[in-house]
Amino acid sequence: MKRQLTYVETVERSLMKTYRKEIYSPFMKALRDFQMIEENDHIAVCISGGKDSFLLAKCFQLIQRYGNIPFQLSFISMDPGYEEANYNKIVENAKKLEIPLHIFKAPIFDYVTTIEDSPCYLCARMRRGYLYKEAKALGCNKIALGHHFNDVIETNLMGMIYGAQIQTMMPKLHSTHFEGMELIRPLYYVREHHIQCWVRHNELEFIACACALTKKQNEEEKAVGKRAKMKELVKELMKENQHVEDNIFRSMFDINLNTVIGYHDDQGSHNFLDTYKDKEIILRGESKWKN
């Protein structure tokens, strides 16, 4: 008689079978394309409590079990001041999905709710710092976040529309303040729609945004957040062109610096006029150093 699968086994099977093409394969492709995992890495998978980070945790458990690169995992969750119901939901889901969760406290919400100028930016910076610090204390050399394909698109648009700059959410980064630490985003190719389908398929329920500031804004009926506006913008554009999401995403893989007026890097700021005359000389077939 065939053994009946446990709940966790059905969840994992759905990733390996039902949603392999939409979720697990793109997850593995990102790991390969951006060289996110190396032998003997110790990766801290950061769990916020939402669908994306819990999915990331399950994908990592599977790749550790069936992959051919030996590495260690720690699953960490920061409590920035969650309400009791949200905290309990995170603990409940971790137990349900058999994820050994290490929870630590960081009084972030108490501080950012008093800030009027760019509180979300400050919150993100503080969260990142606390996660790096805790991960390093556990002996990790990398932290993994659950940002996905649509997060990348929305970040691209937000940078142009609200920040007057072209920038993207990078698939991996070296930490500026924590030596030897890296940040990786293995769900880089995974679309949010497919994550939502996986959640419904397994009848899972995760916390949404548990930010105290967002809750306060909603209660005061303030404007919808910038990221939500980007979601709506993309949704509207998709009605006319089904390739909009792909085009926005791929645009960051093919930037032609000859068509960029200015940019900056670690060496400083650059303007197209810096080399404009040199290019004119080259086009005329003359040497720059001709007497």
C-alpha atoms as a PDB file:
ATOM      1  CA  MET A   1       0.000   0.000   0.000  1.00  0.00           C
ATOM      2  CA  LYS A   2       1.371   3.378  -1.013  1.00  0.00           C
ATOM      3  CA  ARG A   3       2.347   5.618   1.885  1.00  0.00           C
ATOM      4  CA  GLN A   4       0.374   8.819   2.188  1.00  0.00           C
ATOM      5  CA  LEU A   5       2.509  11.948   1.970  1.00  0.00           C
ATOM      6  CA  THR A   6       2.762  14.274   4.928  1.00  0.00           C
ATOM      7  CA  TYR A   7       1.658  17.892   4.507  1.00  0.00           C
ATOM      8  CA  VAL A   8       5.243  19.153   4.195  1.00  0.00           C
ATOM      9  CA  GLU A   9       6.016  16.460   1.639  1.00  0.00           C
ATOM     10  CA  THR A  10       3.045  17.600  -0.483  1.00  0.00           C
ATOM     11  CA  VAL A  11       4.233  21.206  -0.273  1.00  0.00           C
ATOM     12  CA  GLU A  12       7.743  20.218  -1.350  1.00  0.00           C
ATOM     13  CA  ARG A  13       6.377  17.965  -4.075  1.00  0.00           C
ATOM     14  CA  SER A  14       4.373  20.869  -5.465  1.00  0.00           C
ATOM     15  CA  LEU A  15       7.631  22.799  -5.890  1.00  0.00           C
ATOM     16  CA  MET A  16       9.472  19.892  -7.489  1.00  0.00           C
ATOM     17  CA  LYS A  17       6.576  18.814  -9.730  1.00  0.00           C
ATOM     18  CA  THR A  18       3.558  21.141 -10.123  1.00  0.00           C
ATOM     19  CA  TYR A  19       5.498  24.419 -10.017  1.00  0.00           C
ATOM     20  CA  ARG A  20       8.910  23.218 -11.088  1.00  0.00           C
ATOM     21  CA  LYS A  21       8.859  25.214 -14.342  1.00  0.00           C
ATOM     22  CA  GLU A  22       7.425  28.377 -12.776  1.00  0.00           C
ATOM     23  CA  ILE A  23       9.294  28.443  -9.447  1.00  0.00           C
ATOM     24  CA  TYR A  24      11.942  25.823  -8.720  1.00  0.00           C
ATOM     25  CA  SER A  25      13.712  25.926 -12.104  1.00  0.00           C
ATOM     26  CA  PRO A  26      13.894  29.779 -12.178  1.00  0.00           C
ATOM     27  CA  PHE A  27      15.219  29.629  -8.606  1.00  0.00           C
ATOM     28  CA  MET A  28      18.001  27.242  -9.649  1.00  0.00           C
ATOM     29  CA  LYS A  29      18.697  29.272 -12.795  1.00  0.00           C
ATOM     30  CA  ALA A  30      19.270  32.436 -10.743  1.00  0.00           C
ATOM     31  CA  LEU A  31      21.651  30.536  -8.457  1.00  0.00           C
ATOM     32  CA  ARG A  32      23.636  29.436 -11.519  1.00  0.00           C
ATOM     33  CA  ASP A  33      23.459  32.619 -13.599  1.00  0.00           C
ATOM     34  CA  PHE A  34      24.602  34.894 -10.785  1.00  0.00           C
ATOM     35  CA  GLN A  35      26.881  32.371  -9.021  1.00  0.00           C
ATOM     36  CA  MET A  36      25.040  32.809  -5.736  1.00  0.00           C
ATOM     37  CA  ILE A  37      26.173  29.646  -3.948  1.00  0.00           C
ATOM     38  CA  GLU A  38      29.720  28.422  -3.483  1.00  0.00           C
ATOM     39  CA  GLU A  39      31.022  25.360  -1.721  1.00  0.00           C
ATOM     40  CA  ASN A  40      30.925  25.593   2.092  1.00  0.00           C
ATOM     41  CA  ASP A  41      28.829  28.775   2.139  1.00  0.00           C
ATOM     42  CA  HIS A  42      26.753  29.360   5.242  1.00  0.00           C
ATOM     43  CA  ILE A  43      23.605  31.165   4.123  1.00  0.00           C
ATOM     44  CA  ALA A  44      21.156  32.920   6.409  1.00  0.00           C
ATOM     45  CA  VAL A  45      17.710  32.732   4.785  1.00  0.00           C
ATOM     46  CA  CYS A  46      15.869  35.798   6.070  1.00  0.00           C
ATOM     47  CA  ILE A  47      12.188  35.193   6.765  1.00  0.00           C
ATOM     48  CA  SER A  48       9.948  38.234   7.113  1.00  0.00           C
ATOM     49  CA  GLY A  49       6.803  36.164   7.527  1.00  0.00           C
ATOM     50  CA  GLY A  50       5.405  36.728   4.050  1.00  0.00           C
ATOM     51  CA  LYS A  51       4.873  34.290   1.191  1.00  0.00           C
ATOM     52  CA  ASP A  52       8.102  35.137  -0.636  1.00  0.00           C
ATOM     53  CA  SER A  53      10.526  34.500   2.200  1.00  0.00           C
ATOM     54  CA  PHE A  54       8.836  31.262   3.277  1.00  0.00           C
ATOM     55  CA  LEU A  55       8.909  30.032  -0.317  1.00  0.00           C
ATOM     56  CA  LEU A  56      12.608  30.901  -0.478  1.00  0.00           C
ATOM     57  CA  ALA A  57      13.222  28.858   2.663  1.00  0.00           C
ATOM     58  CA  LYS A  58      11.539  25.764   1.167  1.00  0.00           C
ATOM     59  CA  CYS A  59      13.478  26.128  -2.094  1.00  0.00           C
ATOM     60  CA  PHE A  60      16.735  26.310  -0.166  1.00  0.00           C
ATOM     61  CA  GLN A  61      15.871  23.222   1.861  1.00  0.00           C
ATOM     62  CA  LEU A  62      15.293  21.333  -1.396  1.00  0.00           C
ATOM     63  CA  ILE A  63      18.437  22.510  -3.169  1.00  0.00           C
ATOM     64  CA  GLN A  64      20.504  21.655  -0.081  1.00  0.00           C
ATOM     65  CA  ARG A  65      18.960  18.181  -0.005  1.00  0.00           C
ATOM     66  CA  TYR A  66      19.212  17.374  -3.708  1.00  0.00           C
ATOM     67  CA  GLY A  67      21.960  19.678  -5.011  1.00  0.00           C
ATOM     68  CA  ASN A  68      25.623  18.798  -5.482  1.00  0.00           C
ATOM     69  CA  ILE A  69      27.191  21.790  -3.711  1.00  0.00           C
ATOM     70  CA  PRO A  70      27.697  21.367   0.049  1.00  0.00           C
ATOM     71  CA  PHE A  71      26.592  24.397   2.068  1.00  0.00           C
ATOM     72  CA  GLN A  72      24.944  25.247   5.381  1.00  0.00           C
ATOM     73  CA  LEU A  73      21.662  27.002   6.090  1.00  0.00           C
ATOM     74  CA  SER A  74      20.326  29.056   8.968  1.00  0.00           C
ATOM     75  CA  PHE A  75      16.772  30.425   8.923  1.00  0.00           C
ATOM     76  CA  ILE A  76      16.498  33.736  10.721  1.00  0.00           C
ATOM     77  CA  SER A  77      13.563  36.023  11.386  1.00  0.00           C
ATOM     78  CA  MET A  78      13.767  39.480  12.865  1.00  0.00           C
ATOM     79  CA  ASP A  79      10.968  40.699  15.111  1.00  0.00           C
ATOM     80  CA  PRO A  80      11.010  44.495  14.552  1.00  0.00           C
ATOM     81  CA  GLY A  81       7.985  44.963  16.792  1.00  0.00           C
ATOM     82  CA  TYR A  82       5.284  42.754  15.288  1.00  0.00           C
ATOM     83  CA  GLU A  83       1.824  42.614  16.783  1.00  0.00           C
ATOM     84  CA  GLU A  84       1.271  39.367  18.676  1.00  0.00           C
ATOM     85  CA  ALA A  85      -1.008  37.909  15.991  1.00  0.00           C
ATOM     86  CA  ASN A  86       1.603  38.419  13.267  1.00  0.00           C
ATOM     87  CA  TYR A  87       4.402  37.048  15.424  1.00  0.00           C
ATOM     88  CA  ASN A  88       2.368  33.941  16.239  1.00  0.00           C
ATOM     89  CA  LYS A  89       1.516  33.425  12.561  1.00  0.00           C
ATOM     90  CA  ILE A  90       5.201  33.422  11.623  1.00  0.00           C
ATOM     91  CA  VAL A  91       5.992  30.856  14.309  1.00  0.00           C
ATOM     92  CA  GLU A  92       2.987  28.740  13.275  1.00  0.00           C
ATOM     93  CA  ASN A  93       3.973  28.710   9.584  1.00  0.00           C
ATOM     94  CA  ALA A  94       7.590  27.869  10.362  1.00  0.00           C
ATOM     95  CA  LYS A  95       6.444  24.874  12.383  1.00  0.00           C
ATOM     96  CA  LYS A  96       3.901  23.852   9.736  1.00  0.00           C
ATOM     97  CA  LEU A  97       6.533  23.956   6.962  1.00  0.00           C
ATOM     98  CA  GLU A  98       9.230  22.371   9.158  1.00  0.00           C
ATOM     99  CA  ILE A  99      11.584  25.332   8.988  1.00  0.00           C
ATOM    100  CA  PRO A 100      13.845  25.586  12.081  1.00  0.00           C
ATOM    101  CA  LEU A 101      13.491  29.307  12.714  1.00  0.00           C
ATOM    102  CA  HIS A 102      15.826  31.468  14.782  1.00  0.00           C
ATOM    103  CA  ILE A 103      13.975  34.636  15.880  1.00  0.00           C
ATOM    104  CA  PHE A 104      15.664  37.724  17.280  1.00  0.00           C
ATOM    105  CA  LYS A 105      14.292  41.101  18.320  1.00  0.00           C
ATOM    106  CA  ALA A 106      15.163  44.537  16.933  1.00  0.00           C
ATOM    107  CA  PRO A 107      13.127  47.609  18.034  1.00  0.00           C
ATOM    108  CA  ILE A 108      12.790  49.099  14.554  1.00  0.00           C
ATOM    109  CA  PHE A 109       9.060  49.893  14.413  1.00  0.00           C
ATOM    110  CA  ASP A 110       9.244  51.909  17.626  1.00  0.00           C
ATOM    111  CA  TYR A 111      11.790  54.187  15.961  1.00  0.00           C
ATOM    112  CA  VAL A 112      10.680  54.540  12.329  1.00  0.00           C
ATOM    113  CA  THR A 113       7.074  55.393  13.208  1.00  0.00           C
ATOM    114  CA  THR A 114       8.412  58.654  14.683  1.00  0.00           C
ATOM    115  CA  ILE A 115      10.219  59.589  11.453  1.00  0.00           C
ATOM    116  CA  GLU A 116       8.445  61.741   8.859  1.00  0.00           C
ATOM    117  CA  ASP A 117      11.135  61.964   6.154  1.00  0.00           C
ATOM    118  CA  SER A 118      11.616  58.670   4.205  1.00  0.00           C
ATOM    119  CA  PRO A 119      10.691  56.259   7.029  1.00  0.00           C
ATOM    120  CA  CYS A 120      10.467  53.269   4.629  1.00  0.00           C
ATOM    121  CA  TYR A 121      14.000  53.858   3.362  1.00  0.00           C
ATOM    122  CA  LEU A 122      15.301  54.117   6.917  1.00  0.00           C
ATOM    123  CA  CYS A 123      13.390  51.007   7.974  1.00  0.00           C
ATOM    124  CA  ALA A 124      14.879  48.987   5.100  1.00  0.00           C
ATOM    125  CA  ARG A 125      18.389  50.160   5.969  1.00  0.00           C
ATOM    126  CA  MET A 126      17.968  49.325   9.635  1.00  0.00           C
ATOM    127  CA  ARG A 127      16.485  45.908   8.867  1.00  0.00           C
ATOM    128  CA  ARG A 128      19.393  45.078   6.576  1.00  0.00           C
ATOM    129  CA  GLY A 129      21.923  46.070   9.203  1.00  0.00           C
ATOM    130  CA  TYR A 130      20.299  43.962  11.920  1.00  0.00           C
ATOM    131  CA  LEU A 131      20.041  40.961   9.587  1.00  0.00           C
ATOM    132  CA  TYR A 132      23.700  41.199   8.591  1.00  0.00           C
ATOM    133  CA  LYS A 133      24.752  41.509  12.220  1.00  0.00           C
ATOM    134  CA  GLU A 134      22.718  38.506  13.383  1.00  0.00           C
ATOM    135  CA  ALA A 135      23.747  36.376  10.409  1.00  0.00           C
ATOM    136  CA  LYS A 136      27.416  37.114  10.970  1.00  0.00           C
ATOM    137  CA  ALA A 137      27.056  36.241  14.669  1.00  0.00           C
ATOM    138  CA  LEU A 138      25.687  32.840  13.577  1.00  0.00           C
ATOM    139  CA  GLY A 139      28.744  32.256  11.383  1.00  0.00           C
ATOM    140  CA  CYS A 140      27.047  32.996   8.043  1.00  0.00           C
ATOM    141  CA  ASN A 141      28.798  34.639   5.104  1.00  0.00           C
ATOM    142  CA  LYS A 142      25.639  35.398   3.083  1.00  0.00           C
ATOM    143  CA  ILE A 143      22.074  36.508   3.659  1.00  0.00           C
ATOM    144  CA  ALA A 144      19.300  35.540   1.233  1.00  0.00           C
ATOM    145  CA  LEU A 145      16.250  37.749   0.722  1.00  0.00           C
ATOM    146  CA  GLY A 146      12.943  36.868  -0.940  1.00  0.00           C
ATOM    147  CA  HIS A 147      12.737  39.660  -3.535  1.00  0.00           C
ATOM    148  CA  HIS A 148      11.289  38.379  -6.814  1.00  0.00           C
ATOM    149  CA  PHE A 149      10.962  39.300 -10.507  1.00  0.00           C
ATOM    150  CA  ASN A 150       8.174  41.826  -9.934  1.00  0.00           C
ATOM    151  CA  ASP A 151      10.060  43.508  -7.089  1.00  0.00           C
ATOM    152  CA  VAL A 152      12.881  44.147  -9.567  1.00  0.00           C
ATOM    153  CA  ILE A 153      10.530  45.698 -12.127  1.00  0.00           C
ATOM    154  CA  GLU A 154       8.857  47.930  -9.556  1.00  0.00           C
ATOM    155  CA  THR A 155      12.223  49.076  -8.198  1.00  0.00           C
ATOM    156  CA  ASN A 156      13.351  50.016 -11.713  1.00  0.00           C
ATOM    157  CA  LEU A 157      10.254  52.160 -12.247  1.00  0.00           C
ATOM    158  CA  MET A 158      10.350  53.734  -8.782  1.00  0.00           C
ATOM    159  CA  GLY A 159      13.941  54.795  -9.335  1.00  0.00           C
ATOM    160  CA  MET A 160      13.069  56.621 -12.559  1.00  0.00           C
ATOM    161  CA  ILE A 161       9.743  58.117 -11.533  1.00  0.00           C
ATOM    162  CA  TYR A 162      10.454  59.058  -7.931  1.00  0.00           C
ATOM    163  CA  GLY A 163      14.258  59.050  -7.687  1.00  0.00           C
ATOM    164  CA  ALA A 164      15.280  60.563 -11.045  1.00  0.00           C
ATOM    165  CA  GLN A 165      17.791  57.773 -11.568  1.00  0.00           C
ATOM    166  CA  ILE A 166      18.184  54.495 -13.402  1.00  0.00           C
ATOM    167  CA  GLN A 167      19.029  51.701 -11.008  1.00  0.00           C
ATOM    168  CA  THR A 168      17.926  48.164 -10.338  1.00  0.00           C
ATOM    169  CA  MET A 169      17.651  45.694  -7.486  1.00  0.00           C
ATOM    170  CA  MET A 170      20.868  43.703  -7.938  1.00  0.00           C
ATOM    171  CA  PRO A 171      20.807  39.874  -7.754  1.00  0.00           C
ATOM    172  CA  LYS A 172      23.721  39.944  -5.308  1.00  0.00           C
ATOM    173  CA  LEU A 173      25.735  42.552  -3.440  1.00  0.00           C
ATOM    174  CA  HIS A 174      28.792  42.823  -1.226  1.00  0.00           C
ATOM    175  CA  SER A 175      27.987  44.316   2.162  1.00  0.00           C
ATOM    176  CA  THR A 176      29.418  47.788   2.652  1.00  0.00           C
ATOM    177  CA  HIS A 177      29.598  47.687   6.439  1.00  0.00           C
ATOM    178  CA  PHE A 178      29.955  43.968   7.230  1.00  0.00           C
ATOM    179  CA  GLU A 179      33.215  42.661   5.823  1.00  0.00           C
ATOM    180  CA  GLY A 180      33.021  39.306   4.074  1.00  0.00           C
ATOM    181  CA  MET A 181      29.213  39.306   3.920  1.00  0.00           C
ATOM    182  CA  GLU A 182      27.092  39.138   0.771  1.00  0.00           C
ATOM    183  CA  LEU A 183      23.400  39.546  -0.016  1.00  0.00           C
ATOM    184  CA  ILE A 184      21.747  37.269  -2.581  1.00  0.00           C
ATOM    185  CA  ARG A 185      18.257  37.260  -4.148  1.00  0.00           C
ATOM    186  CA  PRO A 186      17.597  33.739  -5.505  1.00  0.00           C
ATOM    187  CA  LEU A 187      13.957  34.420  -6.496  1.00  0.00           C
ATOM    188  CA  TYR A 188      15.180  37.001  -9.030  1.00  0.00           C
ATOM    189  CA  TYR A 189      13.513  35.178 -11.955  1.00  0.00           C
ATOM    190  CA  VAL A 190      10.378  34.027 -10.107  1.00  0.00           C
ATOM    191  CA  ARG A 191       7.184  35.948 -10.852  1.00  0.00           C
ATOM    192  CA  GLU A 192       4.884  36.990  -8.030  1.00  0.00           C
ATOM    193  CA  HIS A 193       1.829  35.515  -9.765  1.00  0.00           C
ATOM    194  CA  HIS A 194       3.361  32.044  -9.640  1.00  0.00           C
ATOM    195  CA  ILE A 195       4.192  32.442  -5.955  1.00  0.00           C
ATOM    196  CA  GLN A 196       0.567  33.356  -5.295  1.00  0.00           C
ATOM    197  CA  CYS A 197      -0.581  30.280  -7.214  1.00  0.00           C
ATOM    198  CA  TRP A 198       1.733  28.057  -5.146  1.00  0.00           C
ATOM    199  CA  VAL A 199       0.343  29.564  -1.941  1.00  0.00           C
ATOM    200  CA  ARG A 200      -3.269  28.913  -3.002  1.00  0.00           C
ATOM    201  CA  HIS A 201      -2.424  25.416  -4.233  1.00  0.00           C
ATOM    202  CA  ASN A 202      -1.137  24.457  -0.787  1.00  0.00           C
ATOM    203  CA  GLU A 203      -3.822  26.401   1.112  1.00  0.00           C
ATOM    204  CA  LEU A 204      -1.187  28.411   2.916  1.00  0.00           C
ATOM    205  CA  GLU A 205      -1.773  31.718   4.685  1.00  0.00           C
ATOM    206  CA  PHE A 206       1.000  34.194   5.425  1.00  0.00           C
ATOM    207  CA  ILE A 207       1.096  37.657   6.937  1.00  0.00           C
ATOM    208  CA  ALA A 208       0.942  40.546   4.481  1.00  0.00           C
ATOM    209  CA  CYS A 209       2.779  43.782   5.214  1.00  0.00           C
ATOM    210  CA  ALA A 210       3.137  43.909   8.993  1.00  0.00           C
ATOM    211  CA  CYS A 211       4.703  47.358   9.024  1.00  0.00           C
ATOM    212  CA  ALA A 212       3.338  49.508  11.819  1.00  0.00           C
ATOM    213  CA  LEU A 213       3.745  52.637   9.702  1.00  0.00           C
ATOM    214  CA  THR A 214       1.753  51.184   6.786  1.00  0.00           C
ATOM    215  CA  LYS A 215      -1.039  50.195   9.139  1.00  0.00           C
ATOM    216  CA  LYS A 216      -1.096  53.708  10.563  1.00  0.00           C
ATOM    217  CA  GLN A 217      -1.249  55.236   7.072  1.00  0.00           C
ATOM    218  CA  ASN A 218      -4.085  52.923   6.043  1.00  0.00           C
ATOM    219  CA  GLU A 219      -6.056  53.854   9.136  1.00  0.00           C
ATOM    220  CA  GLU A 220      -5.583  57.516   8.243  1.00  0.00           C
ATOM    221  CA  GLU A 221      -6.634  56.758   4.630  1.00  0.00           C
ATOM    222  CA  LYS A 222      -3.472  58.204   3.152  1.00  0.00           C
ATOM    223  CA  ALA A 223      -2.329  57.630  -0.413  1.00  0.00           C
ATOM    224  CA  VAL A 224      -1.420  54.163  -1.670  1.00  0.00           C
ATOM    225  CA  GLY A 225       2.298  53.369  -1.394  1.00  0.00           C
ATOM    226  CA  LYS A 226       4.691  53.946  -4.273  1.00  0.00           C
ATOM    227  CA  ARG A 227       5.306  50.251  -4.895  1.00  0.00           C
ATOM    228  CA  ALA A 228       1.562  49.570  -5.086  1.00  0.00           C
ATOM    229  CA  LYS A 229       1.267  52.372  -7.631  1.00  0.00           C
ATOM    230  CA  MET A 230       3.989  50.739  -9.739  1.00  0.00           C
ATOM    231  CA  LYS A 231       2.054  47.462  -9.653  1.00  0.00           C
ATOM    232  CA  GLU A 232      -1.026  49.244 -10.967  1.00  0.00           C
ATOM    233  CA  LEU A 233       0.998  51.058 -13.637  1.00  0.00           C
ATOM    234  CA  VAL A 234       2.497  47.822 -14.949  1.00  0.00           C
ATOM    235  CA  LYS A 235      -0.917  46.166 -14.845  1.00  0.00           C
ATOM    236  CA  GLU A 236      -2.386  48.918 -17.019  1.00  0.00           C
ATOM    237  CA  LEU A 237       0.510  48.808 -19.490  1.00  0.00           C
ATOM    238  CA  MET A 238       0.174  45.034 -19.778  1.00  0.00           C
ATOM    239  CA  LYS A 239      -3.339  45.514 -21.184  1.00  0.00           C
ATOM    240  CA  GLU A 240      -1.744  47.049 -24.286  1.00  0.00           C
ATOM    241  CA  ASN A 241       1.496  45.062 -24.426  1.00  0.00           C
ATOM    242  CA  GLN A 242       1.895  41.666 -22.782  1.00  0.00           C
ATOM    243  CA  HIS A 243       5.707  41.975 -22.996  1.00  0.00           C
ATOM    244  CA  VAL A 244       5.939  45.045 -20.750  1.00  0.00           C
ATOM    245  CA  GLU A 245       7.165  43.149 -17.678  1.00  0.00           C
ATOM    246  CA  ASP A 246       9.850  41.315 -19.630  1.00  0.00           C
ATOM    247  CA  ASN A 247      10.960  44.491 -21.393  1.00  0.00           C
ATOM    248  CA  ILE A 248      11.359  46.441 -18.160  1.00  0.00           C
ATOM    249  CA  PHE A 249      13.248  43.552 -16.555  1.00  0.00           C
ATOM    250  CA  ARG A 250      15.570  42.951 -19.520  1.00  0.00           C
ATOM    251  CA  SER A 251      16.322  46.645 -20.011  1.00  0.00           C
ATOM    252  CA  MET A 252      18.717  46.501 -17.046  1.00  0.00           C
ATOM    253  CA  PHE A 253      20.692  43.724 -18.748  1.00  0.00           C
ATOM    254  CA  ASP A 254      21.408  45.754 -21.895  1.00  0.00           C
ATOM    255  CA  ILE A 255      22.296  49.372 -21.083  1.00  0.00           C
ATOM    256  CA  ASN A 256      24.196  51.094 -23.897  1.00  0.00           C
ATOM    257  CA  LEU A 257      26.485  53.663 -22.252  1.00  0.00           C
ATOM    258  CA  ASN A 258      26.802  55.468 -25.615  1.00  0.00           C
ATOM    259  CA  THR A 259      23.184  56.554 -25.166  1.00  0.00           C
ATOM    260  CA  VAL A 260      23.487  57.604 -21.521  1.00  0.00           C
ATOM    261  CA  ILE A 261      24.084  61.280 -20.724  1.00  0.00           C
ATOM    262  CA  GLY A 262      25.609  60.679 -17.334  1.00  0.00           C
ATOM    263  CA  TYR A 263      26.392  57.925 -14.858  1.00  0.00           C
ATOM    264  CA  HIS A 264      28.451  57.355 -11.736  1.00  0.00           C
ATOM    265  CA  ASP A 265      30.478  54.473 -10.351  1.00  0.00           C
ATOM    266  CA  ASP A 266      33.126  53.880  -7.692  1.00  0.00           C
ATOM    267  CA  GLN A 267      35.502  56.171  -9.565  1.00  0.00           C
ATOM    268  CA  GLY A 268      33.102  59.133  -9.571  1.00  0.00           C
ATOM    269  CA  SER A 269      30.648  60.851 -11.927  1.00  0.00           C
ATOM    270  CA  HIS A 270      30.924  60.693 -15.713  1.00  0.00           C
ATOM    271  CA  ASN A 271      29.327  62.718 -18.521  1.00  0.00           C
ATOM    272  CA  PHE A 272      29.061  61.824 -22.198  1.00  0.00           C
ATOM    273  CA  LEU A 273      30.913  65.062 -23.022  1.00  0.00           C
ATOM    274  CA  ASP A 274      34.016  63.722 -21.255  1.00  0.00           C
ATOM    275  CA  THR A 275      34.841  61.547 -24.279  1.00  0.00           C
ATOM    276  CA  TYR A 276      32.705  63.195 -26.946  1.00  0.00           C
ATOM    277  CA  LYS A 277      35.552  64.976 -28.777  1.00  0.00           C
ATOM    278  CA  ASP A 278      37.798  61.923 -28.559  1.00  0.00           C
ATOM    279  CA  LYS A 279      35.116  59.858 -30.279  1.00  0.00           C
ATOM    280  CA  GLU A 280      34.807  62.496 -33.015  1.00  0.00           C
ATOM    281  CA  ILE A 281      38.546  62.207 -33.726  1.00  0.00           C
ATOM    282  CA  ILE A 282      38.311  58.413 -33.834  1.00  0.00           C
ATOM    283  CA  LEU A 283      35.353  58.582 -36.231  1.00  0.00           C
ATOM    284  CA  ARG A 284      37.418  60.798 -38.568  1.00  0.00           C
ATOM    285  CA  GLY A 285      40.135  58.149 -38.506  1.00  0.00           C
ATOM    286  CA  GLU A 286      42.664  60.462 -36.847  1.00  0.00           C
ATOM    287  CA  SER A 287      44.936  59.704 -33.949  1.00  0.00           C
ATOM    288  CA  LYS A 288      44.195  61.515 -30.728  1.00  0.00           C
ATOM    289  CA  TRP A 289      47.899  62.223 -30.327  1.00  0.00           C
ATOM    290  CA  LYS A 290      48.559  63.363 -33.899  1.00  0.00           C
ATOM    291  CA  ASN A 291      50.857  66.426 -34.061  1.00  0.00           C
END
